[in-house]
C-alpha atoms as a PDB file:
ATOM      1  CA  UNK A   1     -20.171  30.343  23.230  1.00  0.00           C
ATOM      2  CA  UNK A   2     -22.721  32.824  22.485  1.00  0.00           C
ATOM      3  CA  UNK A   3     -22.629  36.245  24.687  1.00  0.00           C
ATOM      4  CA  UNK A   4     -25.586  38.173  25.554  1.00  0.00           C
ATOM      5  CA  UNK A   5     -25.359  40.193  22.348  1.00  0.00           C
ATOM      6  CA  UNK A   6     -26.060  37.145  20.647  1.00  0.00           C
ATOM      7  CA  UNK A   7     -28.878  36.004  22.758  1.00  0.00           C
ATOM      8  CA  UNK A   8     -32.223  35.899  21.042  1.00  0.00           C
ATOM      9  CA  UNK A   9     -34.413  39.118  21.699  1.00  0.00           C
ATOM     10  CA  UNK A  10     -37.358  36.892  23.405  1.00  0.00           C
ATOM     11  CA  UNK A  11     -35.064  34.903  25.796  1.00  0.00           C
ATOM     12  CA  UNK A  12     -33.341  38.381  26.624  1.00  0.00           C
ATOM     13  CA  UNK A  13     -36.618  39.620  27.529  1.00  0.00           C
ATOM     14  CA  UNK A  14     -37.606  36.865  29.744  1.00  0.00           C
ATOM     15  CA  UNK A  15     -34.239  36.817  31.514  1.00  0.00           C
ATOM     16  CA  UNK A  16     -34.561  40.827  32.282  1.00  0.00           C
ATOM     17  CA  UNK A  17     -38.110  40.040  33.364  1.00  0.00           C
ATOM     18  CA  UNK A  18     -37.205  37.131  35.882  1.00  0.00           C
ATOM     19  CA  UNK A  19     -34.202  39.257  37.208  1.00  0.00           C
ATOM     20  CA  UNK A  20     -36.498  42.248  37.797  1.00  0.00           C
ATOM     21  CA  UNK A  21     -38.833  40.245  39.401  1.00  0.00           C
ATOM     22  CA  UNK A  22     -36.142  38.823  42.033  1.00  0.00           C
ATOM     23  CA  UNK A  23     -34.903  41.988  42.520  1.00  0.00           C
ATOM     24  CA  UNK A  24     -38.177  43.075  43.105  1.00  0.00           C
ATOM     25  CA  UNK A  25     -39.566  40.355  45.526  1.00  0.00           C
ATOM     26  CA  UNK A  26     -35.940  40.248  47.278  1.00  0.00           C
ATOM     27  CA  UNK A  27     -36.557  42.467  50.209  1.00  0.00           C
ATOM     28  CA  UNK A  28     -39.930  40.685  50.909  1.00  0.00           C
ATOM     29  CA  UNK A  29     -38.203  37.237  50.988  1.00  0.00           C
ATOM     30  CA  UNK A  30     -35.594  38.455  53.256  1.00  0.00           C
ATOM     31  CA  UNK A  31     -38.648  39.716  55.592  1.00  0.00           C
ATOM     32  CA  UNK A  32     -40.384  36.452  55.335  1.00  0.00           C
ATOM     33  CA  UNK A  33     -37.350  34.497  55.785  1.00  0.00           C
ATOM     34  CA  UNK A  34     -37.372  34.094  59.498  1.00  0.00           C
ATOM     35  CA  UNK A  35     -40.956  33.115  59.529  1.00  0.00           C
ATOM     36  CA  UNK A  36     -40.167  30.565  56.939  1.00  0.00           C
ATOM     37  CA  UNK A  37     -37.572  28.993  59.136  1.00  0.00           C
ATOM     38  CA  UNK A  38     -39.922  29.277  62.070  1.00  0.00           C
ATOM     39  CA  UNK A  39     -42.270  27.174  60.185  1.00  0.00           C
ATOM     40  CA  UNK A  40     -40.033  25.044  58.944  1.00  0.00           C
ATOM     41  CA  UNK A  41     -38.461  23.777  62.361  1.00  0.00           C
ATOM     42  CA  UNK A  42     -41.444  24.338  64.550  1.00  0.00           C
ATOM     43  CA  UNK A  43     -44.093  23.058  62.090  1.00  0.00           C
ATOM     44  CA  UNK A  44     -42.735  20.811  59.287  1.00  0.00           C
ATOM     45  CA  UNK A  45     -39.663  19.375  60.491  1.00  0.00           C
ATOM     46  CA  UNK A  46     -41.350  17.956  63.657  1.00  0.00           C
ATOM     47  CA  UNK A  47     -44.498  16.662  61.347  1.00  0.00           C
ATOM     48  CA  UNK A  48     -42.059  15.190  58.739  1.00  0.00           C
ATOM     49  CA  UNK A  49     -39.944  13.639  61.506  1.00  0.00           C
ATOM     50  CA  UNK A  50     -42.664  12.075  63.534  1.00  0.00           C
ATOM     51  CA  UNK A  51     -44.150  10.586  60.652  1.00  0.00           C
ATOM     52  CA  UNK A  52     -40.723   8.919  59.739  1.00  0.00           C
ATOM     53  CA  UNK A  53     -40.532   7.870  63.413  1.00  0.00           C
ATOM     54  CA  UNK A  54     -43.733   6.145  63.383  1.00  0.00           C
ATOM     55  CA  UNK A  55     -42.483   3.916  61.066  1.00  0.00           C
ATOM     56  CA  UNK A  56     -39.842   2.552  63.606  1.00  0.00           C
ATOM     57  CA  UNK A  57     -39.355   1.052  66.683  1.00  0.00           C
ATOM     58  CA  UNK A  58     -38.818   3.297  69.237  1.00  0.00           C
ATOM     59  CA  UNK A  59     -36.601   2.458  72.672  1.00  0.00           C
ATOM     60  CA  UNK A  60     -37.807   5.185  74.784  1.00  0.00           C
ATOM     61  CA  UNK A  61     -36.971   8.450  72.953  1.00  0.00           C
ATOM     62  CA  UNK A  62     -34.281   6.769  70.675  1.00  0.00           C
ATOM     63  CA  UNK A  63     -35.282   5.793  67.432  1.00  0.00           C
ATOM     64  CA  UNK A  64     -34.689   1.845  66.887  1.00  0.00           C
ATOM     65  CA  UNK A  65     -34.997  -0.341  63.577  1.00  0.00           C
ATOM     66  CA  UNK A  66     -37.761  -0.053  60.814  1.00  0.00           C
ATOM     67  CA  UNK A  67     -40.900  -1.419  62.128  1.00  0.00           C
ATOM     68  CA  UNK A  68     -43.298  -0.392  59.074  1.00  0.00           C
ATOM     69  CA  UNK A  69     -46.766  -0.612  60.235  1.00  0.00           C
ATOM     70  CA  UNK A  70     -46.297  -2.379  63.711  1.00  0.00           C
ATOM     71  CA  UNK A  71     -47.048   0.635  65.410  1.00  0.00           C
ATOM     72  CA  UNK A  72     -50.170   1.461  63.707  1.00  0.00           C
ATOM     73  CA  UNK A  73     -51.546  -2.030  64.221  1.00  0.00           C
ATOM     74  CA  UNK A  74     -50.611  -1.966  67.688  1.00  0.00           C
ATOM     75  CA  UNK A  75     -52.858   1.195  68.156  1.00  0.00           C
ATOM     76  CA  UNK A  76     -55.574   0.195  65.750  1.00  0.00           C
ATOM     77  CA  UNK A  77     -55.760  -3.019  67.793  1.00  0.00           C
ATOM     78  CA  UNK A  78     -55.809  -1.459  71.373  1.00  0.00           C
ATOM     79  CA  UNK A  79     -59.015  -2.654  72.664  1.00  0.00           C
ATOM     80  CA  UNK A  80     -59.462   1.751  73.788  1.00  0.00           C
ATOM     81  CA  UNK A  81     -59.284   3.105  70.212  1.00  0.00           C
ATOM     82  CA  UNK A  82     -62.558   2.267  68.964  1.00  0.00           C
ATOM     83  CA  UNK A  83     -64.419   3.479  72.408  1.00  0.00           C
ATOM     84  CA  UNK A  84     -61.898   6.504  72.445  1.00  0.00           C
ATOM     85  CA  UNK A  85     -62.841   7.517  68.864  1.00  0.00           C
ATOM     86  CA  UNK A  86     -66.553   7.272  69.771  1.00  0.00           C
ATOM     87  CA  UNK A  87     -65.865   9.389  72.681  1.00  0.00           C
ATOM     88  CA  UNK A  88     -63.684  11.904  70.369  1.00  0.00           C
ATOM     89  CA  UNK A  89     -67.036  12.036  67.935  1.00  0.00           C
ATOM     90  CA  UNK A  90     -69.118  12.281  71.121  1.00  0.00           C
ATOM     91  CA  UNK A  91     -67.205  15.336  72.042  1.00  0.00           C
ATOM     92  CA  UNK A  92     -67.960  17.124  68.164  1.00  0.00           C
ATOM     93  CA  UNK A  93     -71.445  15.652  68.508  1.00  0.00           C
ATOM     94  CA  UNK A  94     -72.258  18.174  72.023  1.00  0.00           C
ATOM     95  CA  UNK A  95     -69.846  21.133  70.677  1.00  0.00           C
ATOM     96  CA  UNK A  96     -72.324  21.329  68.151  1.00  0.00           C
ATOM     97  CA  UNK A  97     -75.547  20.700  70.168  1.00  0.00           C
ATOM     98  CA  UNK A  98     -74.252  23.023  73.073  1.00  0.00           C
ATOM     99  CA  UNK A  99     -71.573  25.095  71.912  1.00  0.00           C
ATOM    100  CA  UNK A 100     -72.299  26.146  68.108  1.00  0.00           C
ATOM    101  CA  UNK A 101     -75.395  27.977  67.994  1.00  0.00           C
ATOM    102  CA  UNK A 102     -74.962  30.021  71.524  1.00  0.00           C
ATOM    103  CA  UNK A 103     -72.471  32.473  70.038  1.00  0.00           C
ATOM    104  CA  UNK A 104     -74.727  33.093  67.098  1.00  0.00           C
ATOM    105  CA  UNK A 105     -77.599  33.805  69.160  1.00  0.00           C
ATOM    106  CA  UNK A 106     -75.785  36.165  71.299  1.00  0.00           C
ATOM    107  CA  UNK A 107     -74.032  37.903  68.204  1.00  0.00           C
ATOM    108  CA  UNK A 108     -77.561  38.819  66.641  1.00  0.00           C
ATOM    109  CA  UNK A 109     -78.750  40.052  70.186  1.00  0.00           C
ATOM    110  CA  UNK A 110     -75.533  42.184  70.418  1.00  0.00           C
ATOM    111  CA  UNK A 111     -75.962  43.411  66.858  1.00  0.00           C
ATOM    112  CA  UNK A 112     -79.594  44.523  67.953  1.00  0.00           C
ATOM    113  CA  UNK A 113     -78.355  46.680  71.095  1.00  0.00           C
ATOM    114  CA  UNK A 114     -78.003  50.453  70.639  1.00  0.00           C
ATOM    115  CA  UNK A 115     -76.480  50.605  74.340  1.00  0.00           C
ATOM    116  CA  UNK A 116     -73.946  48.999  76.319  1.00  0.00           C
ATOM    117  CA  UNK A 117     -72.434  46.832  73.317  1.00  0.00           C
ATOM    118  CA  UNK A 118     -68.911  47.281  73.848  1.00  0.00           C
ATOM    119  CA  UNK A 119     -69.230  46.405  77.694  1.00  0.00           C
ATOM    120  CA  UNK A 120     -71.379  43.159  76.830  1.00  0.00           C
ATOM    121  CA  UNK A 121     -68.622  42.261  74.138  1.00  0.00           C
ATOM    122  CA  UNK A 122     -65.770  42.822  76.658  1.00  0.00           C
ATOM    123  CA  UNK A 123     -67.833  40.594  79.477  1.00  0.00           C
ATOM    124  CA  UNK A 124     -68.381  37.904  76.776  1.00  0.00           C
ATOM    125  CA  UNK A 125     -64.933  37.809  75.470  1.00  0.00           C
ATOM    126  CA  UNK A 126     -63.192  37.862  78.728  1.00  0.00           C
ATOM    127  CA  UNK A 127     -63.144  34.137  79.495  1.00  0.00           C
ATOM    128  CA  UNK A 128     -61.228  33.570  76.102  1.00  0.00           C
ATOM    129  CA  UNK A 129     -58.129  35.648  77.601  1.00  0.00           C
ATOM    130  CA  UNK A 130     -57.911  33.098  80.447  1.00  0.00           C
ATOM    131  CA  UNK A 131     -55.924  29.961  79.900  1.00  0.00           C
ATOM    132  CA  UNK A 132     -57.530  26.634  79.231  1.00  0.00           C
ATOM    133  CA  UNK A 133     -56.104  24.797  82.085  1.00  0.00           C
ATOM    134  CA  UNK A 134     -57.125  27.580  84.263  1.00  0.00           C
ATOM    135  CA  UNK A 135     -60.700  27.350  82.817  1.00  0.00           C
ATOM    136  CA  UNK A 136     -60.759  23.580  83.180  1.00  0.00           C
ATOM    137  CA  UNK A 137     -59.640  23.845  86.827  1.00  0.00           C
ATOM    138  CA  UNK A 138     -62.224  26.435  87.539  1.00  0.00           C
ATOM    139  CA  UNK A 139     -65.067  24.203  86.334  1.00  0.00           C
ATOM    140  CA  UNK A 140     -63.718  21.127  87.921  1.00  0.00           C
ATOM    141  CA  UNK A 141     -64.607  22.815  91.371  1.00  0.00           C
ATOM    142  CA  UNK A 142     -67.652  23.921  90.200  1.00  0.00           C
ATOM    143  CA  UNK A 143     -68.443  20.052  89.313  1.00  0.00           C
ATOM    144  CA  UNK A 144     -67.058  18.961  92.198  1.00  0.00           C
ATOM    145  CA  UNK A 145     -69.117  15.832  93.634  1.00  0.00           C
ATOM    146  CA  UNK A 146     -69.490  16.797  97.172  1.00  0.00           C
ATOM    147  CA  UNK A 147     -71.344  19.453  99.026  1.00  0.00           C
ATOM    148  CA  UNK A 148     -68.437  21.858  98.205  1.00  0.00           C
ATOM    149  CA  UNK A 149     -68.836  21.902  94.859  1.00  0.00           C
ATOM    150  CA  UNK A 150     -70.341  25.543  93.648  1.00  0.00           C
ATOM    151  CA  UNK A 151     -73.535  23.177  91.621  1.00  0.00           C
ATOM    152  CA  UNK A 152     -74.185  20.905  94.764  1.00  0.00           C
ATOM    153  CA  UNK A 153     -74.047  23.911  96.807  1.00  0.00           C
ATOM    154  CA  UNK A 154     -76.860  25.338  94.873  1.00  0.00           C
ATOM    155  CA  UNK A 155     -78.627  22.375  94.925  1.00  0.00           C
ATOM    156  CA  UNK A 156     -78.607  22.125  98.720  1.00  0.00           C
ATOM    157  CA  UNK A 157     -79.778  25.396  98.897  1.00  0.00           C
ATOM    158  CA  UNK A 158     -83.116  23.724  97.341  1.00  0.00           C
ATOM    159  CA  UNK A 159     -83.079  20.943  99.750  1.00  0.00           C
ATOM    160  CA  UNK A 160     -81.648  18.492  96.867  1.00  0.00           C
ATOM    161  CA  UNK A 161     -78.794  15.775  97.113  1.00  0.00           C
ATOM    162  CA  UNK A 162     -75.493  16.400  95.921  1.00  0.00           C
ATOM    163  CA  UNK A 163     -74.574  15.032  92.406  1.00  0.00           C
ATOM    164  CA  UNK A 164     -71.795  13.272  90.986  1.00  0.00           C
ATOM    165  CA  UNK A 165     -71.575  15.196  87.631  1.00  0.00           C
ATOM    166  CA  UNK A 166     -68.201  14.406  86.253  1.00  0.00           C
ATOM    167  CA  UNK A 167     -68.259  11.183  87.786  1.00  0.00           C
ATOM    168  CA  UNK A 168     -71.250  10.323  86.021  1.00  0.00           C
ATOM    169  CA  UNK A 169     -70.275   8.586  82.486  1.00  0.00           C
ATOM    170  CA  UNK A 170     -73.174   9.674  81.016  1.00  0.00           C
ATOM    171  CA  UNK A 171     -72.549  13.356  81.875  1.00  0.00           C
ATOM    172  CA  UNK A 172     -68.943  13.824  81.557  1.00  0.00           C
ATOM    173  CA  UNK A 173     -68.536  14.712  77.762  1.00  0.00           C
ATOM    174  CA  UNK A 174     -71.269  16.877  77.978  1.00  0.00           C
ATOM    175  CA  UNK A 175     -70.206  18.605  81.160  1.00  0.00           C
ATOM    176  CA  UNK A 176     -66.474  19.187  79.729  1.00  0.00           C
ATOM    177  CA  UNK A 177     -67.939  20.827  76.513  1.00  0.00           C
ATOM    178  CA  UNK A 178     -69.884  23.222  78.536  1.00  0.00           C
ATOM    179  CA  UNK A 179     -66.598  24.438  79.952  1.00  0.00           C
ATOM    180  CA  UNK A 180     -65.104  24.479  76.681  1.00  0.00           C
ATOM    181  CA  UNK A 181     -68.231  26.557  75.152  1.00  0.00           C
ATOM    182  CA  UNK A 182     -67.850  28.720  77.994  1.00  0.00           C
ATOM    183  CA  UNK A 183     -64.207  29.661  77.168  1.00  0.00           C
ATOM    184  CA  UNK A 184     -64.566  29.804  73.107  1.00  0.00           C
ATOM    185  CA  UNK A 185     -68.018  31.212  72.978  1.00  0.00           C
ATOM    186  CA  UNK A 186     -66.490  34.974  73.347  1.00  0.00           C
ATOM    187  CA  UNK A 187     -64.082  34.915  70.676  1.00  0.00           C
ATOM    188  CA  UNK A 188     -66.377  32.985  67.973  1.00  0.00           C
ATOM    189  CA  UNK A 189     -69.356  35.532  68.832  1.00  0.00           C
ATOM    190  CA  UNK A 190     -66.852  38.571  67.961  1.00  0.00           C
ATOM    191  CA  UNK A 191     -66.460  36.895  64.340  1.00  0.00           C
ATOM    192  CA  UNK A 192     -70.180  36.556  63.662  1.00  0.00           C
ATOM    193  CA  UNK A 193     -70.353  40.039  64.863  1.00  0.00           C
ATOM    194  CA  UNK A 194     -67.666  41.220  62.679  1.00  0.00           C
ATOM    195  CA  UNK A 195     -69.924  39.457  59.780  1.00  0.00           C
ATOM    196  CA  UNK A 196     -73.192  40.857  60.953  1.00  0.00           C
ATOM    197  CA  UNK A 197     -71.705  44.648  60.308  1.00  0.00           C
ATOM    198  CA  UNK A 198     -71.555  43.727  56.849  1.00  0.00           C
ATOM    199  CA  UNK A 199     -75.049  42.790  56.413  1.00  0.00           C
ATOM    200  CA  UNK A 200     -77.049  45.496  54.305  1.00  0.00           C
ATOM    201  CA  UNK A 201     -78.953  47.454  56.675  1.00  0.00           C
ATOM    202  CA  UNK A 202     -81.525  48.433  54.192  1.00  0.00           C
ATOM    203  CA  UNK A 203     -82.822  45.192  54.441  1.00  0.00           C
ATOM    204  CA  UNK A 204     -83.239  45.608  57.950  1.00  0.00           C
ATOM    205  CA  UNK A 205     -84.740  48.907  57.634  1.00  0.00           C
ATOM    206  CA  UNK A 206     -87.339  47.316  54.985  1.00  0.00           C
ATOM    207  CA  UNK A 207     -87.956  44.269  57.604  1.00  0.00           C
ATOM    208  CA  UNK A 208     -88.980  46.785  60.368  1.00  0.00           C
ATOM    209  CA  UNK A 209     -91.278  48.777  58.041  1.00  0.00           C
ATOM    210  CA  UNK A 210     -93.199  45.864  57.227  1.00  0.00           C
ATOM    211  CA  UNK A 211     -93.238  44.880  61.385  1.00  0.00           C
ATOM    212  CA  UNK A 212     -90.958  42.055  61.180  1.00  0.00           C
ATOM    213  CA  UNK A 213     -89.699  41.053  64.750  1.00  0.00           C
ATOM    214  CA  UNK A 214     -86.247  40.153  65.871  1.00  0.00           C
ATOM    215  CA  UNK A 215     -86.833  36.465  65.337  1.00  0.00           C
ATOM    216  CA  UNK A 216     -88.218  36.515  61.890  1.00  0.00           C
ATOM    217  CA  UNK A 217     -85.517  39.291  60.829  1.00  0.00           C
ATOM    218  CA  UNK A 218     -82.801  36.946  62.196  1.00  0.00           C
ATOM    219  CA  UNK A 219     -84.466  33.880  60.321  1.00  0.00           C
ATOM    220  CA  UNK A 220     -85.219  35.592  57.171  1.00  0.00           C
ATOM    221  CA  UNK A 221     -82.021  38.486  56.906  1.00  0.00           C
ATOM    222  CA  UNK A 222     -79.359  37.723  59.490  1.00  0.00           C
ATOM    223  CA  UNK A 223     -78.659  33.852  58.913  1.00  0.00           C
ATOM    224  CA  UNK A 224     -79.160  33.671  55.351  1.00  0.00           C
ATOM    225  CA  UNK A 225     -76.791  36.474  55.040  1.00  0.00           C
ATOM    226  CA  UNK A 226     -73.854  35.044  57.304  1.00  0.00           C
ATOM    227  CA  UNK A 227     -74.565  31.533  56.538  1.00  0.00           C
ATOM    228  CA  UNK A 228     -71.090  31.272  54.592  1.00  0.00           C
ATOM    229  CA  UNK A 229     -69.364  32.312  58.086  1.00  0.00           C
ATOM    230  CA  UNK A 230     -71.799  29.680  60.135  1.00  0.00           C
ATOM    231  CA  UNK A 231     -70.520  26.834  57.550  1.00  0.00           C
ATOM    232  CA  UNK A 232     -67.005  27.944  58.077  1.00  0.00           C
ATOM    233  CA  UNK A 233     -67.139  28.229  61.798  1.00  0.00           C
ATOM    234  CA  UNK A 234     -68.891  24.845  62.106  1.00  0.00           C
ATOM    235  CA  UNK A 235     -65.724  23.251  60.469  1.00  0.00           C
ATOM    236  CA  UNK A 236     -63.187  24.939  62.332  1.00  0.00           C
ATOM    237  CA  UNK A 237     -65.477  24.010  65.457  1.00  0.00           C
ATOM    238  CA  UNK A 238     -65.403  20.153  64.473  1.00  0.00           C
ATOM    239  CA  UNK A 239     -61.184  20.426  63.902  1.00  0.00           C
ATOM    240  CA  UNK A 240     -60.782  21.896  67.084  1.00  0.00           C
ATOM    241  CA  UNK A 241     -62.638  19.830  69.340  1.00  0.00           C
ATOM    242  CA  UNK A 242     -61.685  16.688  67.757  1.00  0.00           C
ATOM    243  CA  UNK A 243     -58.032  17.532  68.922  1.00  0.00           C
ATOM    244  CA  UNK A 244     -59.559  18.088  72.686  1.00  0.00           C
ATOM    245  CA  UNK A 245     -56.937  17.156  75.273  1.00  0.00           C
ATOM    246  CA  UNK A 246     -56.441  19.587  78.415  1.00  0.00           C
ATOM    247  CA  UNK A 247     -60.045  19.599  79.099  1.00  0.00           C
ATOM    248  CA  UNK A 248     -60.478  15.943  80.090  1.00  0.00           C
ATOM    249  CA  UNK A 249     -56.803  15.986  81.442  1.00  0.00           C
ATOM    250  CA  UNK A 250     -57.476  18.427  84.002  1.00  0.00           C
ATOM    251  CA  UNK A 251     -61.017  17.726  84.781  1.00  0.00           C
ATOM    252  CA  UNK A 252     -61.422  13.805  84.488  1.00  0.00           C
ATOM    253  CA  UNK A 253     -58.087  12.448  83.701  1.00  0.00           C
ATOM    254  CA  UNK A 254     -59.890  10.560  81.189  1.00  0.00           C
ATOM    255  CA  UNK A 255     -62.392   8.987  83.654  1.00  0.00           C
ATOM    256  CA  UNK A 256     -64.599   7.857  84.812  1.00  0.00           C
ATOM    257  CA  UNK A 257     -63.716   4.286  83.353  1.00  0.00           C
ATOM    258  CA  UNK A 258     -62.295   6.029  80.303  1.00  0.00           C
ATOM    259  CA  UNK A 259     -65.806   7.752  79.661  1.00  0.00           C
ATOM    260  CA  UNK A 260     -64.140  10.926  78.777  1.00  0.00           C
ATOM    261  CA  UNK A 261     -61.124   9.772  77.235  1.00  0.00           C
ATOM    262  CA  UNK A 262     -60.201  11.351  73.754  1.00  0.00           C
ATOM    263  CA  UNK A 263     -57.765  10.621  70.777  1.00  0.00           C
ATOM    264  CA  UNK A 264     -55.489  13.387  72.099  1.00  0.00           C
ATOM    265  CA  UNK A 265     -55.702  12.234  75.656  1.00  0.00           C
ATOM    266  CA  UNK A 266     -54.991   8.908  74.525  1.00  0.00           C
ATOM    267  CA  UNK A 267     -52.081   9.697  72.538  1.00  0.00           C
ATOM    268  CA  UNK A 268     -50.899  11.997  76.164  1.00  0.00           C
ATOM    269  CA  UNK A 269     -51.036   8.509  77.908  1.00  0.00           C
ATOM    270  CA  UNK A 270     -49.145   6.411  75.222  1.00  0.00           C
ATOM    271  CA  UNK A 271     -46.267   9.283  75.508  1.00  0.00           C
ATOM    272  CA  UNK A 272     -45.945  10.354  78.795  1.00  0.00           C
ATOM    273  CA  UNK A 273     -47.598   7.814  80.785  1.00  0.00           C
ATOM    274  CA  UNK A 274     -47.004   4.380  79.731  1.00  0.00           C
ATOM    275  CA  UNK A 275     -43.920   5.500  77.506  1.00  0.00           C
ATOM    276  CA  UNK A 276     -45.237   4.024  74.204  1.00  0.00           C
ATOM    277  CA  UNK A 277     -43.196   6.257  72.179  1.00  0.00           C
ATOM    278  CA  UNK A 278     -44.010   4.571  68.936  1.00  0.00           C
ATOM    279  CA  UNK A 279     -47.760   4.124  69.465  1.00  0.00           C
ATOM    280  CA  UNK A 280     -48.140   7.821  70.477  1.00  0.00           C
ATOM    281  CA  UNK A 281     -46.712   9.307  67.167  1.00  0.00           C
ATOM    282  CA  UNK A 282     -48.826   6.401  65.050  1.00  0.00           C
ATOM    283  CA  UNK A 283     -51.913   7.664  66.653  1.00  0.00           C
ATOM    284  CA  UNK A 284     -50.786  11.510  65.940  1.00  0.00           C
ATOM    285  CA  UNK A 285     -50.417  10.501  62.466  1.00  0.00           C
ATOM    286  CA  UNK A 286     -53.838   8.469  62.033  1.00  0.00           C
ATOM    287  CA  UNK A 287     -55.473  11.796  63.895  1.00  0.00           C
ATOM    288  CA  UNK A 288     -53.371  14.091  61.312  1.00  0.00           C
ATOM    289  CA  UNK A 289     -54.570  12.167  58.446  1.00  0.00           C
ATOM    290  CA  UNK A 290     -58.380  12.966  59.898  1.00  0.00           C
ATOM    291  CA  UNK A 291     -57.847  16.133  60.190  1.00  0.00           C
ATOM    292  CA  UNK A 292     -56.184  16.636  56.838  1.00  0.00           C
ATOM    293  CA  UNK A 293     -59.484  15.406  55.152  1.00  0.00           C
ATOM    294  CA  UNK A 294     -61.296  18.195  57.239  1.00  0.00           C
ATOM    295  CA  UNK A 295     -59.077  21.035  56.734  1.00  0.00           C
ATOM    296  CA  UNK A 296     -58.966  20.344  52.909  1.00  0.00           C
ATOM    297  CA  UNK A 297     -62.919  20.595  53.307  1.00  0.00           C
ATOM    298  CA  UNK A 298     -62.535  23.659  55.412  1.00  0.00           C
ATOM    299  CA  UNK A 299     -60.262  25.416  52.671  1.00  0.00           C
ATOM    300  CA  UNK A 300     -62.637  24.293  49.522  1.00  0.00           C
ATOM    301  CA  UNK A 301     -65.659  25.495  51.486  1.00  0.00           C
ATOM    302  CA  UNK A 302     -63.777  28.854  52.636  1.00  0.00           C
ATOM    303  CA  UNK A 303     -62.826  29.310  48.783  1.00  0.00           C
ATOM    304  CA  UNK A 304     -66.431  28.658  47.713  1.00  0.00           C
ATOM    305  CA  UNK A 305     -68.049  31.514  50.451  1.00  0.00           C
ATOM    306  CA  UNK A 306     -65.218  33.982  49.458  1.00  0.00           C
ATOM    307  CA  UNK A 307     -66.331  33.558  45.641  1.00  0.00           C
ATOM    308  CA  UNK A 308     -70.024  33.874  46.688  1.00  0.00           C
ATOM    309  CA  UNK A 309     -69.232  37.012  48.580  1.00  0.00           C
END
């Protein structure tokens, strides 16, 4: 057997380099170990376990015999699935129409302020600190269908009859998105405001010398300079709204007549109301696969934006 003295110099240098790297990174790996264990037990283990269990017949929360794609056939064949998928896409559509551009506009306006900027930043961010369920209940009573609802009280002052608001199937999804956008707008606005701090001020000064107003400066300078951040936040918003569940659960329960049912809420019903655990797992895996595509696109887009910067 060859000893260390007989080892070729190239191989010896390689082993020395590997040992040096291991020694150098040992402390970092020890510090990361608790975080890695949390990632494994909280994220990866439940995900893999859920995918595995979705291929079995579930007897309550007990794993039964292997069933292949039977749970997926049940979910995709459910008469509610297609309508719920359409509702979820409608949530995404209204989130873009109602809630996507408002944080950009507010960030641009705040960036133009010289006085009171910190006050407005805190005021706009404050709804983001409120729990999602509390926000949903707050807006539920704002949209309450009889005369005690805040909006109907305002309508009554002008002699108008009360509206059904959330009980109107054509309005329920946009109104839920209004409440969600109100909560999320402040945090998103701060991201745009941070991006605006990196825009070259010389461009604004040159535009001011040319007599450009705030709208022209925003269109010609601000939006092109932060277009990468806008695209990334667009994908992030689509991913987030695609998983919406707490808001329709608290505000409408999926009604009226499943008009506000989302894929996340349908999975909740499978799991905790009808106790179809196999169907709930299969639906979550279907959503997981859809979101993987969006997430992969998000990372590709983020890498491209970082390279362009």
